[in-house]
Amino acid sequence: MDMFIVRGGERLFGSVTVSGAKNSALPLMAAALACEGETTLSSIPNLVDVTTQSRVLGSLGMDVQRDESGLLHLKTVDESACIADYDLVRRMRASVCVLGPLLAKRRMACVSLPGGCNIGDRPIDLHLKGLAALGAQIRVDRGYVIARADRLRGANIFLGGAFGSTVTGTCNVMIAATLAEGTTTIESAACEPEVVDVGNFLNACGARIEGLGTPFLKIEGVERLQAVEHEVIPDRIEAATLMIAAAMTGGDVQLNEVRPDHITAVMEKLREIGVTIQLEYPQQPERRQSVWVKVTQPLKSVDCIALPYPGIPTDVQAQLMSLLACVPGISIVTDKVFPDRFMHASELARMGAKIRRESASAILNGVSRLSGACVMASDLRASAALVLAGLAAEGETVIRRIYHLDRGYECLEEKLIALGANVQRVKDEPENMPESLKLTDGEERPTYSELLDALTGPHWNLNPSEKPTPSAEG
């Protein structure tokens, strides 16, 4: 297992290219199951999740090959397999997207209930509700979804949930509906760019989907889908993460291959904080282009709310919290998509952040500078948030369990290093721990008075009456 050692204080400067979108690539790969012929996908990021999805598809009779130019070729060679095993599906949630294509093309599916990041309750009941409306007979047995359908038929489906629409659920039902008999309408469909990307791919294959990018989809079923070549959209979450990294280090960074219209809410919030953002083609945000991010003035505290698209993505909530943790003033970060997605807050507190949880919100009292510490990543986006915090912190920070990061960011440390960051990937072993974060048996322990001085120094601004008193144990 690897860990990162981040030495903070370096200002990011230079140019970096954003990779293809993970959250688009995975359902696109699953959609290839419903197509006849060879699907070719370009701009597919080289990620652990992509490798896992390739193995899932391989177990379902698909040949998946990445060539030297980076193109991913997918072709079904055996349609008899219909079981997506627990050992693979447990590793990431997007594997459940094979359920819809298998039902539509092979009339049956046996798919393990999915795993993924620990960011709160994420049931797949809306997936099952939508597929059942199309005529599938579904039961859950021993941790597997078992579904059969002699013929899917169009239906009117509502996919709204307690916290909004479902991205993977919309993709699953949309793919299945393209091969269903008759017309399907989906109300409260997810509007995220990744859903639009999958829909555009399906339409290029011969599907008839209207309303992409809106909460209302109309799908006319077709007899077959013919595989095509398709380029994956840029990863808006990676773009937002790199923008925030530039902001946290007072940097001046050019991001290439960005779709500004996919991150409008993030850019506007960063501008509100005080970050300067310039577009190569301001009048054409829907095209891939370069975006310049720099800090030329003191940053300000703000309130942020993570919402379904086109709002601030929940996948950027943790990174924004890292930024606001070191911006003077009071900021409030609320997540209305995954209200329990705050496991990174306690790790940021280890680095000196002042954070208080209040239900689905975190209240931050910005500090002048974070301090390096040994922290633990709990999920994919929390990993990125802790790396960003390390870039802005004083001293050395160790981020452990970065296998989460490798699931969703392509060579993030290499991109940061190219911009001037000091990030090192090493094995998570005791001998690789920086000396500054070690407390060896031979090291003299601090006295209570020294600890008290550290706790009540000028940076805390506490009154003498607030100082703690020694316990009986000293």
Protein backbone atom coordinates (compact mmCIF):
# COMPACT_ATOMS: atom_id res chain seq x y z
CA MET A 1 0.00 0.00 0.00
CA ASP A 2 1.26 3.50 -0.87
CA MET A 3 1.08 6.85 0.87
CA PHE A 4 1.85 10.44 -0.11
CA ILE A 5 4.37 12.71 1.58
CA VAL A 6 3.45 16.32 0.79
CA ARG A 7 5.79 19.16 1.72
CA GLY A 8 3.68 22.30 1.77
CA GLY A 9 4.42 25.89 0.90
CA GLU A 10 5.08 25.62 -2.84
CA ARG A 11 3.12 27.92 -5.16
CA LEU A 12 1.64 26.06 -8.13
CA PHE A 13 2.55 27.54 -11.50
CA GLY A 14 2.36 26.28 -15.07
CA SER A 15 0.09 24.29 -17.38
CA VAL A 16 -1.73 20.97 -16.91
CA THR A 17 -4.17 18.91 -18.99
CA VAL A 18 -7.38 17.51 -17.50
CA SER A 19 -8.08 13.81 -18.11
CA GLY A 20 -11.29 12.20 -19.35
CA ALA A 21 -14.19 11.91 -16.91
CA LYS A 22 -14.20 8.79 -14.73
CA ASN A 23 -17.92 9.17 -13.98
CA SER A 24 -18.64 9.16 -17.70
CA ALA A 25 -16.13 6.47 -18.73
CA LEU A 26 -17.50 3.76 -16.43
CA PRO A 27 -21.17 3.83 -17.57
CA LEU A 28 -19.99 4.24 -21.18
CA MET A 29 -17.99 1.03 -20.85
CA ALA A 30 -21.06 -0.70 -19.42
CA ALA A 31 -23.22 0.65 -22.26
CA ALA A 32 -20.95 -1.14 -24.76
CA LEU A 33 -22.55 -4.39 -23.52
CA ALA A 34 -25.76 -3.33 -25.28
CA CYS A 35 -24.02 -2.66 -28.62
CA GLU A 36 -23.25 -4.88 -31.58
CA GLY A 37 -19.71 -4.67 -32.93
CA GLU A 38 -16.62 -3.02 -31.48
CA THR A 39 -16.93 0.13 -29.37
CA THR A 40 -13.89 2.43 -29.32
CA LEU A 41 -13.59 5.00 -26.54
CA SER A 42 -10.95 7.74 -26.45
CA SER A 43 -9.81 9.93 -23.52
CA ILE A 44 -10.49 7.07 -21.10
CA PRO A 45 -8.41 7.79 -17.98
CA ASN A 46 -5.98 5.15 -16.76
CA LEU A 47 -7.52 4.51 -13.35
CA VAL A 48 -8.00 1.64 -10.92
CA ASP A 49 -11.79 1.95 -11.40
CA VAL A 50 -11.40 1.63 -15.18
CA THR A 51 -9.29 -1.50 -14.67
CA THR A 52 -11.93 -2.89 -12.31
CA GLN A 53 -14.73 -2.15 -14.78
CA SER A 54 -12.67 -3.84 -17.52
CA ARG A 55 -12.44 -6.96 -15.37
CA VAL A 56 -16.18 -6.87 -14.67
CA LEU A 57 -16.89 -6.65 -18.40
CA GLY A 58 -14.32 -9.37 -19.10
CA SER A 59 -16.19 -11.69 -16.73
CA LEU A 60 -19.34 -10.94 -18.76
CA GLY A 61 -17.84 -12.12 -22.05
CA MET A 62 -16.43 -8.86 -23.35
CA ASP A 63 -12.93 -8.42 -24.76
CA VAL A 64 -11.50 -5.13 -23.46
CA GLN A 65 -8.17 -3.88 -24.81
CA ARG A 66 -6.31 -0.58 -24.46
CA ASP A 67 -3.97 0.10 -27.39
CA GLU A 68 -0.69 2.04 -27.41
CA SER A 69 -2.43 5.30 -28.30
CA GLY A 70 -4.70 5.01 -25.26
CA LEU A 71 -7.87 4.01 -27.14
CA LEU A 72 -10.08 1.50 -25.35
CA HIS A 73 -11.64 -1.19 -27.57
CA LEU A 74 -14.62 -3.19 -26.29
CA LYS A 75 -16.28 -6.07 -28.09
CA THR A 76 -18.61 -8.82 -26.89
CA VAL A 77 -17.27 -12.29 -27.72
CA ASP A 78 -19.57 -14.39 -25.48
CA GLU A 79 -23.16 -13.47 -24.55
CA SER A 80 -23.77 -16.45 -22.27
CA ALA A 81 -22.35 -14.90 -19.08
CA CYS A 82 -24.78 -12.83 -16.98
CA ILE A 83 -23.23 -12.87 -13.49
CA ALA A 84 -21.28 -9.84 -12.18
CA ASP A 85 -19.52 -11.30 -9.16
CA TYR A 86 -19.33 -9.74 -5.70
CA ASP A 87 -15.52 -9.81 -5.59
CA LEU A 88 -15.39 -7.29 -8.45
CA VAL A 89 -18.59 -5.26 -8.01
CA ARG A 90 -17.90 -4.61 -4.31
CA ARG A 91 -14.90 -2.47 -5.29
CA MET A 92 -16.87 0.31 -6.95
CA ARG A 93 -20.45 1.44 -7.25
CA ALA A 94 -20.42 2.12 -11.01
CA SER A 95 -20.23 -1.63 -11.71
CA VAL A 96 -23.98 -1.80 -11.12
CA CYS A 97 -24.39 0.00 -14.47
CA VAL A 98 -24.05 -3.40 -16.19
CA LEU A 99 -27.50 -4.34 -14.88
CA GLY A 100 -29.49 -2.35 -17.47
CA PRO A 101 -27.44 -3.39 -20.55
CA LEU A 102 -27.49 -7.07 -19.52
CA LEU A 103 -31.26 -7.04 -19.10
CA ALA A 104 -31.83 -5.26 -22.40
CA LYS A 105 -29.44 -7.38 -24.49
CA ARG A 106 -29.33 -10.78 -22.76
CA ARG A 107 -32.72 -10.78 -21.01
CA MET A 108 -31.26 -11.66 -17.61
CA ALA A 109 -28.71 -10.41 -15.10
CA CYS A 110 -27.28 -11.43 -11.76
CA VAL A 111 -25.32 -8.51 -10.31
CA SER A 112 -23.88 -8.16 -6.83
CA LEU A 113 -25.04 -5.20 -4.77
CA PRO A 114 -22.34 -2.55 -5.28
CA GLY A 115 -19.58 -1.18 -3.09
CA GLY A 116 -17.62 2.07 -3.51
CA CYS A 117 -16.73 4.98 -1.26
CA ASN A 118 -18.08 5.21 2.28
CA ILE A 119 -19.88 8.55 1.93
CA GLY A 120 -23.32 7.73 3.31
CA ASP A 121 -26.39 5.73 2.35
CA ARG A 122 -26.58 5.09 -1.42
CA PRO A 123 -29.23 2.43 -2.12
CA ILE A 124 -30.00 1.27 -5.67
CA ASP A 125 -33.76 1.11 -5.13
CA LEU A 126 -34.34 3.72 -7.86
CA HIS A 127 -32.37 1.58 -10.36
CA LEU A 128 -34.55 -1.42 -9.52
CA LYS A 129 -37.76 0.64 -9.56
CA GLY A 130 -37.00 1.92 -13.06
CA LEU A 131 -36.05 -1.49 -14.46
CA ALA A 132 -39.10 -3.10 -12.88
CA ALA A 133 -41.30 -0.48 -14.56
CA LEU A 134 -39.81 -1.60 -17.89
CA GLY A 135 -41.07 -5.12 -17.19
CA ALA A 136 -38.17 -6.79 -15.43
CA GLN A 137 -38.84 -9.35 -12.70
CA ILE A 138 -36.42 -8.51 -9.90
CA ARG A 139 -35.49 -10.02 -6.56
CA VAL A 140 -32.56 -9.58 -4.20
CA ASP A 141 -31.09 -12.82 -2.88
CA ARG A 142 -27.85 -13.44 -0.94
CA GLY A 143 -26.50 -10.00 -1.82
CA TYR A 144 -27.25 -10.24 -5.54
CA VAL A 145 -29.83 -8.52 -7.73
CA ILE A 146 -31.38 -11.23 -9.90
CA ALA A 147 -33.40 -9.88 -12.82
CA ARG A 148 -35.15 -11.41 -15.83
CA ALA A 149 -37.18 -9.97 -18.70
CA ASP A 150 -38.37 -11.77 -21.82
CA ARG A 151 -38.94 -8.36 -23.39
CA LEU A 152 -38.59 -4.90 -21.89
CA ARG A 153 -41.43 -2.52 -22.67
CA GLY A 154 -41.57 1.26 -22.52
CA ALA A 155 -43.08 2.89 -19.45
CA ASN A 156 -43.47 6.18 -17.61
CA ILE A 157 -40.85 6.24 -14.86
CA PHE A 158 -40.19 8.68 -12.01
CA LEU A 159 -36.59 8.53 -10.71
CA GLY A 160 -36.67 11.20 -8.00
CA GLY A 161 -35.27 10.26 -4.59
CA ALA A 162 -34.97 11.72 -1.12
CA PHE A 163 -31.85 13.69 -2.09
CA GLY A 164 -32.59 14.31 -5.76
CA SER A 165 -32.07 12.30 -8.92
CA THR A 166 -29.67 9.39 -9.42
CA VAL A 167 -26.86 9.60 -11.96
CA THR A 168 -26.00 5.90 -12.22
CA GLY A 169 -29.69 5.01 -11.94
CA THR A 170 -30.58 7.30 -14.84
CA CYS A 171 -27.79 5.75 -16.94
CA ASN A 172 -28.90 2.22 -16.07
CA VAL A 173 -32.56 2.79 -16.91
CA MET A 174 -31.78 4.92 -19.98
CA ILE A 175 -29.53 2.23 -21.50
CA ALA A 176 -32.15 -0.47 -20.87
CA ALA A 177 -34.94 1.68 -22.33
CA THR A 178 -33.12 2.19 -25.63
CA LEU A 179 -33.74 -1.48 -26.47
CA ALA A 180 -37.22 -1.69 -24.93
CA GLU A 181 -40.33 -1.99 -27.07
CA GLY A 182 -42.24 1.31 -27.35
CA THR A 183 -41.71 4.68 -25.69
CA THR A 184 -40.20 5.34 -22.27
CA THR A 185 -40.37 8.63 -20.40
CA ILE A 186 -38.14 9.31 -17.42
CA GLU A 187 -39.12 12.12 -15.06
CA SER A 188 -36.63 13.55 -12.56
CA ALA A 189 -33.77 12.21 -14.66
CA ALA A 190 -30.26 13.30 -13.65
CA CYS A 191 -29.00 16.27 -15.70
CA GLU A 192 -25.26 15.77 -15.06
CA PRO A 193 -22.88 16.09 -18.04
CA GLU A 194 -21.89 12.45 -17.59
CA VAL A 195 -25.49 11.36 -18.22
CA VAL A 196 -25.60 13.57 -21.32
CA ASP A 197 -22.34 12.02 -22.51
CA VAL A 198 -23.74 8.49 -22.19
CA GLY A 199 -26.93 9.60 -23.94
CA ASN A 200 -24.99 11.17 -26.82
CA PHE A 201 -23.04 7.93 -27.21
CA LEU A 202 -26.24 5.88 -27.32
CA ASN A 203 -27.79 8.22 -29.88
CA ALA A 204 -24.69 7.86 -32.04
CA CYS A 205 -25.20 4.08 -31.79
CA GLY A 206 -28.75 4.42 -33.12
CA ALA A 207 -30.80 5.14 -29.99
CA ARG A 208 -33.54 7.78 -30.04
CA ILE A 209 -33.24 9.79 -26.83
CA GLU A 210 -34.64 13.30 -26.45
CA GLY A 211 -34.28 15.77 -23.59
CA LEU A 212 -30.68 15.05 -22.55
CA GLY A 213 -29.53 17.61 -20.00
CA THR A 214 -33.09 18.11 -18.70
CA PRO A 215 -35.07 16.27 -15.98
CA PHE A 216 -37.41 14.80 -18.62
CA LEU A 217 -36.20 12.16 -21.09
CA LYS A 218 -38.18 10.59 -23.90
CA ILE A 219 -36.76 7.37 -25.34
CA GLU A 220 -38.10 5.57 -28.40
CA GLY A 221 -36.98 1.95 -28.31
CA VAL A 222 -34.95 0.54 -31.20
CA GLU A 223 -34.16 -3.00 -32.31
CA ARG A 224 -30.38 -2.78 -32.00
CA LEU A 225 -27.46 -0.48 -31.18
CA GLN A 226 -24.43 -0.40 -33.46
CA ALA A 227 -21.07 0.28 -31.81
CA VAL A 228 -19.26 3.53 -32.67
CA GLU A 229 -16.18 5.56 -31.72
CA HIS A 230 -16.72 8.11 -28.95
CA GLU A 231 -14.57 10.61 -27.04
CA VAL A 232 -15.22 10.93 -23.31
CA ILE A 233 -15.87 14.42 -21.93
CA PRO A 234 -13.22 16.09 -19.71
CA ASP A 235 -13.40 15.33 -16.00
CA ARG A 236 -15.11 18.31 -14.35
CA ILE A 237 -14.25 17.05 -10.86
CA GLU A 238 -10.54 16.83 -11.65
CA ALA A 239 -10.70 20.30 -13.23
CA ALA A 240 -12.35 21.72 -10.11
CA THR A 241 -9.82 19.97 -7.85
CA LEU A 242 -6.88 21.47 -9.75
CA MET A 243 -8.51 24.91 -9.71
CA ILE A 244 -8.87 24.71 -5.95
CA ALA A 245 -5.25 23.52 -5.63
CA ALA A 246 -4.14 26.63 -7.50
CA ALA A 247 -6.27 28.81 -5.23
CA MET A 248 -4.96 27.22 -2.02
CA THR A 249 -1.33 27.79 -2.98
CA GLY A 250 -1.77 31.32 -4.34
CA GLY A 251 -0.86 29.89 -7.72
CA ASP A 252 -1.13 30.80 -11.38
CA VAL A 253 -2.22 27.72 -13.36
CA GLN A 254 -3.49 27.05 -16.89
CA LEU A 255 -5.86 24.09 -17.20
CA ASN A 256 -6.26 22.59 -20.67
CA GLU A 257 -9.11 20.44 -22.02
CA VAL A 258 -11.79 21.95 -19.77
CA ARG A 259 -15.52 22.31 -20.44
CA PRO A 260 -16.33 25.52 -18.50
CA ASP A 261 -20.09 24.98 -18.89
CA HIS A 262 -19.75 21.81 -16.80
CA ILE A 263 -18.26 23.66 -13.79
CA THR A 264 -20.06 27.01 -13.90
CA ALA A 265 -21.21 26.79 -10.26
CA VAL A 266 -17.69 25.94 -9.04
CA MET A 267 -16.10 28.78 -11.01
CA GLU A 268 -18.64 31.30 -9.72
CA LYS A 269 -18.08 30.19 -6.13
CA LEU A 270 -14.30 30.48 -6.53
CA ARG A 271 -14.76 33.96 -7.99
CA GLU A 272 -16.90 34.83 -4.95
CA ILE A 273 -14.04 33.65 -2.74
CA GLY A 274 -11.70 35.98 -4.65
CA VAL A 275 -10.01 33.69 -7.20
CA THR A 276 -9.40 35.11 -10.69
CA ILE A 277 -10.63 32.81 -13.48
CA GLN A 278 -10.25 33.59 -17.18
CA LEU A 279 -11.50 31.56 -20.17
CA GLU A 280 -9.84 31.19 -23.54
CA TYR A 281 -13.24 31.49 -25.27
CA PRO A 282 -15.56 33.35 -22.85
CA GLN A 283 -18.47 33.30 -25.29
CA GLN A 284 -18.18 29.56 -26.00
CA PRO A 285 -18.15 27.75 -22.63
CA GLU A 286 -19.50 24.56 -24.22
CA ARG A 287 -16.27 23.89 -26.12
CA ARG A 288 -13.07 22.30 -24.77
CA GLN A 289 -10.66 25.07 -23.94
CA SER A 290 -8.00 26.42 -21.58
CA VAL A 291 -8.86 28.10 -18.29
CA TRP A 292 -6.47 30.29 -16.28
CA VAL A 293 -6.72 30.29 -12.47
CA LYS A 294 -4.72 32.66 -10.27
CA VAL A 295 -4.85 34.48 -6.97
CA THR A 296 -4.20 38.23 -7.01
CA GLN A 297 -6.03 39.34 -3.85
CA PRO A 298 -6.86 38.12 -0.33
CA LEU A 299 -9.47 35.37 -0.30
CA LYS A 300 -12.83 35.71 1.49
CA SER A 301 -15.02 33.31 3.46
CA VAL A 302 -18.28 32.16 1.84
CA ASP A 303 -21.13 29.70 2.28
CA CYS A 304 -21.31 26.68 -0.08
CA ILE A 305 -24.12 24.20 -0.72
CA ALA A 306 -23.51 20.98 -2.65
CA LEU A 307 -26.50 20.22 -4.88
CA PRO A 308 -27.36 18.08 -7.91
CA TYR A 309 -26.21 19.50 -11.25
CA PRO A 310 -26.00 22.35 -12.19
CA GLY A 311 -25.15 23.15 -8.57
CA ILE A 312 -21.81 22.68 -6.84
CA PRO A 313 -21.07 18.91 -7.06
CA THR A 314 -20.96 16.87 -3.89
CA ASP A 315 -17.70 15.48 -5.32
CA VAL A 316 -16.13 18.94 -4.87
CA GLN A 317 -17.46 19.57 -1.36
CA ALA A 318 -14.40 18.17 0.45
CA GLN A 319 -11.93 20.12 -1.69
CA LEU A 320 -13.81 23.38 -1.11
CA MET A 321 -13.77 22.66 2.62
CA SER A 322 -9.97 22.37 2.52
CA LEU A 323 -9.78 25.75 0.81
CA LEU A 324 -12.18 27.49 3.19
CA ALA A 325 -10.43 25.96 6.21
CA CYS A 326 -7.54 28.36 5.57
CA VAL A 327 -9.53 31.41 4.42
CA PRO A 328 -10.07 34.00 7.23
CA GLY A 329 -13.62 34.29 8.53
CA ILE A 330 -16.60 32.00 9.04
CA SER A 331 -17.67 29.72 6.20
CA ILE A 332 -20.48 27.17 6.10
CA VAL A 333 -20.35 24.11 3.84
CA THR A 334 -23.59 22.13 3.39
CA ASP A 335 -24.07 18.90 1.45
CA LYS A 336 -27.67 18.26 0.36
CA VAL A 337 -26.72 15.28 -1.80
CA PHE A 338 -24.87 13.15 0.79
CA PRO A 339 -25.52 14.83 4.18
CA ASP A 340 -23.11 12.50 6.00
CA ARG A 341 -20.16 13.08 3.66
CA PHE A 342 -17.89 14.76 6.20
CA MET A 343 -15.40 12.11 7.27
CA HIS A 344 -12.58 14.35 6.00
CA ALA A 345 -13.49 17.02 8.57
CA SER A 346 -11.83 15.19 11.47
CA GLU A 347 -8.66 14.68 9.42
CA LEU A 348 -8.53 18.38 8.48
CA ALA A 349 -8.90 19.14 12.18
CA ARG A 350 -5.72 17.13 12.78
CA MET A 351 -4.01 19.66 10.52
CA GLY A 352 -5.29 22.59 12.56
CA ALA A 353 -8.58 23.34 10.82
CA LYS A 354 -11.37 24.63 13.06
CA ILE A 355 -14.50 22.77 11.99
CA ARG A 356 -17.80 22.09 13.75
CA ARG A 357 -20.44 19.73 12.38
CA GLU A 358 -24.10 20.76 12.45
CA SER A 359 -26.30 18.11 10.81
CA ALA A 360 -25.68 18.31 7.02
CA SER A 361 -23.35 21.30 7.42
CA ALA A 362 -19.83 22.05 8.57
CA ILE A 363 -19.01 25.45 10.08
CA LEU A 364 -15.42 26.54 9.51
CA ASN A 365 -13.47 29.26 11.27
CA GLY A 366 -10.63 29.83 8.83
CA VAL A 367 -7.05 29.69 10.17
CA SER A 368 -4.04 31.53 8.79
CA ARG A 369 -2.21 28.30 7.95
CA LEU A 370 -2.71 24.57 8.37
CA SER A 371 0.08 22.45 9.81
CA GLY A 372 1.43 19.18 8.48
CA ALA A 373 0.23 15.96 10.10
CA CYS A 374 -0.32 12.28 9.42
CA VAL A 375 -3.87 11.86 8.09
CA MET A 376 -6.02 9.05 6.73
CA ALA A 377 -8.11 9.17 3.54
CA SER A 378 -11.64 7.79 3.94
CA ASP A 379 -12.86 8.04 0.35
CA LEU A 380 -11.91 9.26 -3.12
CA ARG A 381 -12.69 12.97 -2.82
CA ALA A 382 -11.57 13.14 0.81
CA SER A 383 -8.18 11.90 -0.42
CA ALA A 384 -7.95 14.82 -2.84
CA ALA A 385 -9.02 17.27 -0.14
CA LEU A 386 -6.24 16.10 2.18
CA VAL A 387 -3.63 16.35 -0.60
CA LEU A 388 -4.73 19.94 -1.24
CA ALA A 389 -4.56 20.69 2.47
CA GLY A 390 -1.02 19.30 2.52
CA LEU A 391 -0.02 21.61 -0.35
CA ALA A 392 -1.10 24.63 1.70
CA ALA A 393 0.12 23.39 5.09
CA GLU A 394 3.29 24.30 6.91
CA GLY A 395 5.70 21.37 7.09
CA GLU A 396 5.18 17.79 5.97
CA THR A 397 1.88 15.94 5.61
CA VAL A 398 1.45 12.20 5.16
CA ILE A 399 -1.75 10.99 3.48
CA ARG A 400 -2.36 7.28 3.95
CA ARG A 401 -4.77 4.95 2.11
CA ILE A 402 -4.29 6.80 -1.17
CA TYR A 403 -5.61 3.77 -3.03
CA HIS A 404 -8.87 5.73 -2.82
CA LEU A 405 -7.23 8.52 -4.84
CA ASP A 406 -5.96 6.13 -7.50
CA ARG A 407 -9.53 5.05 -8.17
CA GLY A 408 -10.53 8.43 -9.58
CA TYR A 409 -7.55 10.68 -10.41
CA GLU A 410 -5.14 9.87 -13.22
CA CYS A 411 -1.55 10.56 -12.08
CA LEU A 412 -2.62 13.40 -9.79
CA GLU A 413 0.73 13.60 -8.03
CA GLU A 414 2.56 13.80 -11.37
CA LYS A 415 0.35 16.68 -12.48
CA LEU A 416 0.91 18.51 -9.20
CA ILE A 417 4.67 17.92 -9.36
CA ALA A 418 4.70 19.34 -12.90
CA LEU A 419 3.13 22.49 -11.43
CA GLY A 420 5.84 22.77 -8.78
CA ALA A 421 4.34 20.85 -5.87
CA ASN A 422 6.50 18.70 -3.61
CA VAL A 423 4.64 15.38 -3.53
CA GLN A 424 6.25 11.97 -3.10
CA ARG A 425 4.62 8.55 -3.41
CA VAL A 426 6.22 5.95 -1.14
CA LYS A 427 5.34 2.62 0.42
CA ASP A 428 3.29 2.95 3.60
CA GLU A 429 6.00 1.61 5.88
CA PRO A 430 7.39 2.98 9.18
CA GLU A 431 10.83 3.72 7.74
CA ASN A 432 9.29 6.05 5.15
CA MET A 433 7.58 8.27 7.71
CA PRO A 434 9.18 11.77 7.67
CA GLU A 435 11.33 12.54 10.68
CA SER A 436 9.21 15.60 11.44
CA LEU A 437 6.19 13.35 12.11
CA LYS A 438 7.96 10.64 14.10
CA LEU A 439 7.89 10.30 17.86
CA THR A 440 10.45 7.62 18.66
CA ASP A 441 10.94 5.79 21.94
CA GLY A 442 14.17 7.67 22.55
CA GLU A 443 12.65 11.09 21.93
CA GLU A 444 12.00 13.31 24.91
CA ARG A 445 8.27 13.78 25.43
CA PRO A 446 6.95 17.34 25.78
CA THR A 447 6.07 18.45 29.30
CA TYR A 448 2.55 19.50 30.26
CA SER A 449 3.67 23.13 30.31
CA GLU A 450 5.03 22.84 26.77
CA LEU A 451 1.79 21.29 25.59
CA LEU A 452 -0.18 24.00 27.37
CA ASP A 453 1.88 26.71 25.68
CA ALA A 454 1.28 25.06 22.30
CA LEU A 455 -2.46 24.89 22.96
CA THR A 456 -2.77 28.45 24.22
CA GLY A 457 -0.28 30.27 22.04
CA PRO A 458 -1.12 33.51 20.23
CA HIS A 459 -2.65 31.68 17.26
CA TRP A 460 -5.47 30.37 19.45
CA ASN A 461 -6.47 33.76 20.94
CA LEU A 462 -7.80 32.18 24.12
CA ASN A 463 -8.35 33.99 27.40
CA PRO A 464 -6.27 32.83 30.37
CA SER A 465 -9.45 31.65 32.05
CA GLU A 466 -9.99 29.21 29.17
CA LYS A 467 -6.71 27.39 29.74
CA PRO A 468 -7.16 23.73 30.77
CA THR A 469 -6.02 22.53 34.17
CA PRO A 470 -3.93 19.40 34.73
CA SER A 471 -5.72 16.17 35.52
CA ALA A 472 -4.89 14.11 38.58
CA GLU A 473 -2.68 11.96 36.39
CA GLY A 474 -0.73 15.06 35.31
